[in-house]
Amino acid sequence: MATGGWLTPTSAGPFATSDESRNLAWLAPLAFGEAWHNNHHAFPTSARHGLGRWQLDPGAWLITALERCHLAWDGIRISTTRQQAKRGLRDNVRRQWRP
């Protein structure tokens, strides 16, 4: 999905990634969660890209429903510990670049 072109260069992604990916909250519910682009680049194997409680992710809801019906399995969920570690990396990078 081509969500990357909609993202403004001034917005900041919460996770450290090797690219300039960003999240776009207003588009995420319409794009089935694919607009949580920075989250996706930080954790590409995750079944859920809306990692925050307020980050709506209809795609993840569908995957969860399919798992409950035994039509999907082994969905990967990212622990809060891993998320915090990735956020910490982003904060360290930001601190290094401040004058």
N, C-alpha and C. Protein backbone atom coordinates (compact mmCIF):
# COMPACT_ATOMS: atom_id res chain seq x y z
N MET A 1 0.84 -1.17 0.00
CA MET A 1 0.00 0.00 0.00
C MET A 1 0.89 1.24 0.00
N ALA A 2 0.53 2.24 -0.73
CA ALA A 2 1.37 3.43 -0.90
C ALA A 2 1.03 4.50 0.13
N THR A 3 1.19 4.20 1.40
CA THR A 3 0.89 5.19 2.43
C THR A 3 2.07 6.13 2.65
N GLY A 4 3.26 5.74 2.30
CA GLY A 4 4.44 6.55 2.56
C GLY A 4 4.40 7.93 1.94
N GLY A 5 3.78 8.08 0.77
CA GLY A 5 3.71 9.37 0.10
C GLY A 5 2.80 10.37 0.78
N TRP A 6 1.90 9.92 1.63
CA TRP A 6 0.97 10.81 2.32
C TRP A 6 1.57 11.39 3.60
N LEU A 7 2.69 10.89 4.01
CA LEU A 7 3.23 11.27 5.31
C LEU A 7 4.06 12.53 5.21
N THR A 8 3.85 13.44 6.13
CA THR A 8 4.56 14.71 6.10
C THR A 8 5.97 14.54 6.64
N PRO A 9 6.92 15.25 6.08
CA PRO A 9 8.30 15.13 6.56
C PRO A 9 8.50 15.67 7.96
N THR A 10 7.55 16.44 8.50
CA THR A 10 7.72 17.00 9.83
C THR A 10 7.23 16.06 10.93
N SER A 11 6.44 15.04 10.59
CA SER A 11 5.97 14.12 11.62
C SER A 11 7.09 13.17 12.00
N ALA A 12 7.06 12.70 13.23
CA ALA A 12 8.12 11.81 13.71
C ALA A 12 7.54 10.45 14.03
N GLY A 13 8.26 9.40 13.64
CA GLY A 13 7.85 8.06 14.01
C GLY A 13 8.38 7.73 15.40
N PRO A 14 7.65 6.95 16.17
CA PRO A 14 8.06 6.67 17.54
C PRO A 14 9.19 5.65 17.67
N PHE A 15 9.46 4.88 16.61
CA PHE A 15 10.44 3.82 16.71
C PHE A 15 11.66 4.10 15.83
N ALA A 16 12.80 3.61 16.28
CA ALA A 16 14.03 3.71 15.50
C ALA A 16 13.96 2.73 14.33
N THR A 17 14.12 3.25 13.12
CA THR A 17 14.16 2.42 11.92
C THR A 17 15.29 2.92 11.04
N SER A 18 15.63 2.16 10.03
CA SER A 18 16.73 2.55 9.14
C SER A 18 16.25 3.46 8.02
N ASP A 19 15.00 3.92 8.08
CA ASP A 19 14.45 4.77 7.03
C ASP A 19 13.71 5.96 7.67
N GLU A 20 12.99 6.68 6.88
CA GLU A 20 12.25 7.85 7.34
C GLU A 20 10.75 7.57 7.45
N SER A 21 10.37 6.35 7.77
CA SER A 21 8.95 5.99 7.84
C SER A 21 8.25 6.75 8.96
N ARG A 22 6.98 7.06 8.73
CA ARG A 22 6.16 7.81 9.68
C ARG A 22 4.80 7.12 9.83
N ASN A 23 4.08 7.47 10.89
CA ASN A 23 2.71 7.00 11.09
C ASN A 23 1.74 8.09 10.66
N LEU A 24 0.59 7.69 10.17
CA LEU A 24 -0.44 8.64 9.75
C LEU A 24 -1.78 8.18 10.35
N ALA A 25 -2.11 8.76 11.51
CA ALA A 25 -3.24 8.29 12.32
C ALA A 25 -4.58 8.36 11.59
N TRP A 26 -4.86 9.45 10.88
CA TRP A 26 -6.19 9.59 10.27
C TRP A 26 -6.43 8.58 9.14
N LEU A 27 -5.36 8.11 8.51
CA LEU A 27 -5.51 7.17 7.41
C LEU A 27 -5.54 5.71 7.88
N ALA A 28 -5.02 5.45 9.05
CA ALA A 28 -4.88 4.06 9.52
C ALA A 28 -6.19 3.27 9.54
N PRO A 29 -7.29 3.81 10.08
CA PRO A 29 -8.53 3.01 10.07
C PRO A 29 -9.03 2.71 8.66
N LEU A 30 -8.83 3.63 7.75
CA LEU A 30 -9.27 3.44 6.36
C LEU A 30 -8.38 2.46 5.60
N ALA A 31 -7.11 2.40 5.99
CA ALA A 31 -6.12 1.56 5.30
C ALA A 31 -5.90 0.23 6.04
N PHE A 32 -6.83 -0.13 6.91
CA PHE A 32 -6.74 -1.38 7.68
C PHE A 32 -5.46 -1.47 8.49
N GLY A 33 -5.02 -0.33 9.02
CA GLY A 33 -3.86 -0.30 9.89
C GLY A 33 -2.53 -0.13 9.18
N GLU A 34 -2.54 -0.13 7.86
CA GLU A 34 -1.28 -0.03 7.12
C GLU A 34 -0.63 1.35 7.21
N ALA A 35 -1.35 2.35 7.65
CA ALA A 35 -0.76 3.69 7.78
C ALA A 35 0.05 3.84 9.07
N TRP A 36 0.06 2.83 9.91
CA TRP A 36 0.99 2.84 11.05
C TRP A 36 2.33 2.37 10.47
N HIS A 37 2.84 3.17 9.57
CA HIS A 37 3.97 2.81 8.71
C HIS A 37 5.28 2.67 9.49
N ASN A 38 5.54 3.59 10.43
CA ASN A 38 6.76 3.48 11.24
C ASN A 38 6.70 2.23 12.11
N ASN A 39 5.53 1.95 12.68
CA ASN A 39 5.37 0.73 13.48
C ASN A 39 5.66 -0.50 12.63
N HIS A 40 5.14 -0.51 11.39
CA HIS A 40 5.36 -1.64 10.48
C HIS A 40 6.85 -1.80 10.13
N HIS A 41 7.53 -0.69 9.91
CA HIS A 41 8.96 -0.78 9.58
C HIS A 41 9.79 -1.19 10.79
N ALA A 42 9.35 -0.84 11.98
CA ALA A 42 10.06 -1.24 13.19
C ALA A 42 9.86 -2.74 13.48
N PHE A 43 8.66 -3.24 13.21
CA PHE A 43 8.32 -4.64 13.50
C PHE A 43 7.57 -5.24 12.30
N PRO A 44 8.27 -5.53 11.20
CA PRO A 44 7.61 -5.96 9.96
C PRO A 44 6.87 -7.29 10.06
N THR A 45 7.20 -8.15 11.00
CA THR A 45 6.54 -9.45 11.09
C THR A 45 5.31 -9.43 12.01
N SER A 46 5.04 -8.30 12.62
CA SER A 46 3.93 -8.21 13.56
C SER A 46 2.58 -8.33 12.86
N ALA A 47 1.65 -9.05 13.49
CA ALA A 47 0.29 -9.16 12.96
C ALA A 47 -0.50 -7.89 13.25
N ARG A 48 0.02 -7.06 14.14
CA ARG A 48 -0.66 -5.83 14.54
C ARG A 48 0.29 -4.66 14.35
N HIS A 49 -0.12 -3.68 13.54
CA HIS A 49 0.72 -2.49 13.34
C HIS A 49 0.28 -1.32 14.19
N GLY A 50 -0.98 -1.31 14.62
CA GLY A 50 -1.44 -0.31 15.58
C GLY A 50 -1.04 -0.79 16.96
N LEU A 51 0.14 -0.42 17.41
CA LEU A 51 0.69 -0.97 18.64
C LEU A 51 0.20 -0.28 19.90
N GLY A 52 -0.21 0.96 19.79
CA GLY A 52 -0.73 1.67 20.95
C GLY A 52 -2.21 1.39 21.14
N ARG A 53 -2.67 1.57 22.36
CA ARG A 53 -4.08 1.30 22.66
C ARG A 53 -5.02 2.13 21.79
N TRP A 54 -4.64 3.35 21.51
CA TRP A 54 -5.47 4.28 20.72
C TRP A 54 -5.23 4.15 19.22
N GLN A 55 -4.29 3.32 18.80
CA GLN A 55 -3.98 3.17 17.38
C GLN A 55 -4.90 2.11 16.76
N LEU A 56 -5.95 2.59 16.11
CA LEU A 56 -6.94 1.69 15.51
C LEU A 56 -6.32 0.89 14.37
N ASP A 57 -6.55 -0.41 14.38
CA ASP A 57 -5.95 -1.30 13.39
C ASP A 57 -6.95 -2.39 12.99
N PRO A 58 -7.87 -2.08 12.06
CA PRO A 58 -8.85 -3.08 11.63
C PRO A 58 -8.23 -4.36 11.07
N GLY A 59 -7.07 -4.24 10.46
CA GLY A 59 -6.39 -5.43 9.94
C GLY A 59 -6.04 -6.40 11.05
N ALA A 60 -5.58 -5.88 12.17
CA ALA A 60 -5.25 -6.72 13.32
C ALA A 60 -6.51 -7.35 13.91
N TRP A 61 -7.61 -6.60 13.91
CA TRP A 61 -8.87 -7.15 14.41
C TRP A 61 -9.31 -8.34 13.55
N LEU A 62 -9.13 -8.19 12.24
CA LEU A 62 -9.50 -9.28 11.33
C LEU A 62 -8.61 -10.50 11.56
N ILE A 63 -7.31 -10.28 11.71
CA ILE A 63 -6.39 -11.40 11.96
C ILE A 63 -6.75 -12.10 13.26
N THR A 64 -7.07 -11.33 14.31
CA THR A 64 -7.47 -11.92 15.59
C THR A 64 -8.74 -12.75 15.44
N ALA A 65 -9.71 -12.24 14.69
CA ALA A 65 -10.95 -12.98 14.45
C ALA A 65 -10.67 -14.28 13.70
N LEU A 66 -9.79 -14.21 12.70
CA LEU A 66 -9.44 -15.42 11.94
C LEU A 66 -8.73 -16.44 12.84
N GLU A 67 -7.87 -15.96 13.74
CA GLU A 67 -7.20 -16.87 14.68
C GLU A 67 -8.20 -17.55 15.60
N ARG A 68 -9.17 -16.79 16.07
CA ARG A 68 -10.19 -17.37 16.97
C ARG A 68 -11.05 -18.41 16.26
N CYS A 69 -11.20 -18.26 14.95
CA CYS A 69 -11.95 -19.24 14.16
C CYS A 69 -11.05 -20.36 13.64
N HIS A 70 -9.79 -20.34 14.03
CA HIS A 70 -8.80 -21.33 13.60
C HIS A 70 -8.58 -21.30 12.08
N LEU A 71 -8.71 -20.11 11.50
CA LEU A 71 -8.43 -19.94 10.07
C LEU A 71 -7.10 -19.24 9.84
N ALA A 72 -6.49 -18.78 10.91
CA ALA A 72 -5.13 -18.21 10.88
C ALA A 72 -4.46 -18.63 12.19
N TRP A 73 -3.14 -18.70 12.18
CA TRP A 73 -2.43 -19.14 13.38
C TRP A 73 -1.03 -18.56 13.37
N ASP A 74 -0.40 -18.64 14.52
CA ASP A 74 0.98 -18.17 14.71
C ASP A 74 1.16 -16.68 14.42
N GLY A 75 0.15 -15.89 14.67
CA GLY A 75 0.27 -14.44 14.50
C GLY A 75 1.27 -13.89 15.51
N ILE A 76 2.17 -13.08 15.05
CA ILE A 76 3.23 -12.55 15.92
C ILE A 76 2.75 -11.27 16.58
N ARG A 77 2.89 -11.21 17.91
CA ARG A 77 2.57 -10.02 18.68
C ARG A 77 3.87 -9.49 19.29
N ILE A 78 4.04 -8.20 19.27
CA ILE A 78 5.26 -7.58 19.78
C ILE A 78 5.06 -7.20 21.24
N SER A 79 5.93 -7.68 22.11
CA SER A 79 5.80 -7.40 23.54
C SER A 79 6.08 -5.93 23.82
N THR A 80 5.53 -5.44 24.91
CA THR A 80 5.77 -4.04 25.30
C THR A 80 7.24 -3.82 25.61
N THR A 81 7.93 -4.85 26.08
CA THR A 81 9.37 -4.74 26.35
C THR A 81 10.14 -4.45 25.07
N ARG A 82 9.82 -5.19 24.01
CA ARG A 82 10.49 -4.94 22.71
C ARG A 82 10.15 -3.57 22.16
N GLN A 83 8.90 -3.15 22.34
CA GLN A 83 8.49 -1.82 21.87
C GLN A 83 9.25 -0.74 22.62
N GLN A 84 9.35 -0.87 23.93
CA GLN A 84 10.07 0.13 24.73
C GLN A 84 11.54 0.18 24.34
N ALA A 85 12.14 -0.97 24.07
CA ALA A 85 13.55 -1.00 23.67
C ALA A 85 13.75 -0.25 22.36
N LYS A 86 12.85 -0.44 21.41
CA LYS A 86 12.94 0.23 20.11
C LYS A 86 12.70 1.73 20.27
N ARG A 87 11.79 2.11 21.16
CA ARG A 87 11.57 3.54 21.44
C ARG A 87 12.81 4.15 22.06
N GLY A 88 13.45 3.41 22.95
CA GLY A 88 14.67 3.89 23.59
C GLY A 88 15.77 4.15 22.58
N LEU A 89 15.87 3.27 21.57
CA LEU A 89 16.85 3.48 20.51
C LEU A 89 16.57 4.78 19.77
N ARG A 90 15.30 5.06 19.50
CA ARG A 90 14.92 6.29 18.80
C ARG A 90 15.29 7.51 19.64
N ASP A 91 15.03 7.46 20.96
CA ASP A 91 15.37 8.57 21.84
C ASP A 91 16.87 8.82 21.89
N ASN A 92 17.65 7.72 21.90
CA ASN A 92 19.11 7.87 21.90
C ASN A 92 19.61 8.53 20.63
N VAL A 93 19.03 8.16 19.49
CA VAL A 93 19.42 8.76 18.22
C VAL A 93 19.08 10.24 18.23
N ARG A 94 17.91 10.60 18.72
CA ARG A 94 17.50 12.01 18.78
C ARG A 94 18.46 12.80 19.66
N ARG A 95 18.84 12.24 20.83
CA ARG A 95 19.74 12.95 21.74
C ARG A 95 21.11 13.17 21.11
N GLN A 96 21.59 12.22 20.33
CA GLN A 96 22.91 12.34 19.72
C GLN A 96 22.96 13.49 18.71
N TRP A 97 21.86 13.80 18.07
CA TRP A 97 21.84 14.82 17.02
C TRP A 97 21.52 16.21 17.54
N ARG A 98 21.20 16.34 18.81
CA ARG A 98 20.92 17.67 19.36
C ARG A 98 22.23 18.40 19.63
N PRO A 99 22.26 19.72 19.35
CA PRO A 99 23.49 20.49 19.61
C PRO A 99 23.76 20.66 21.09
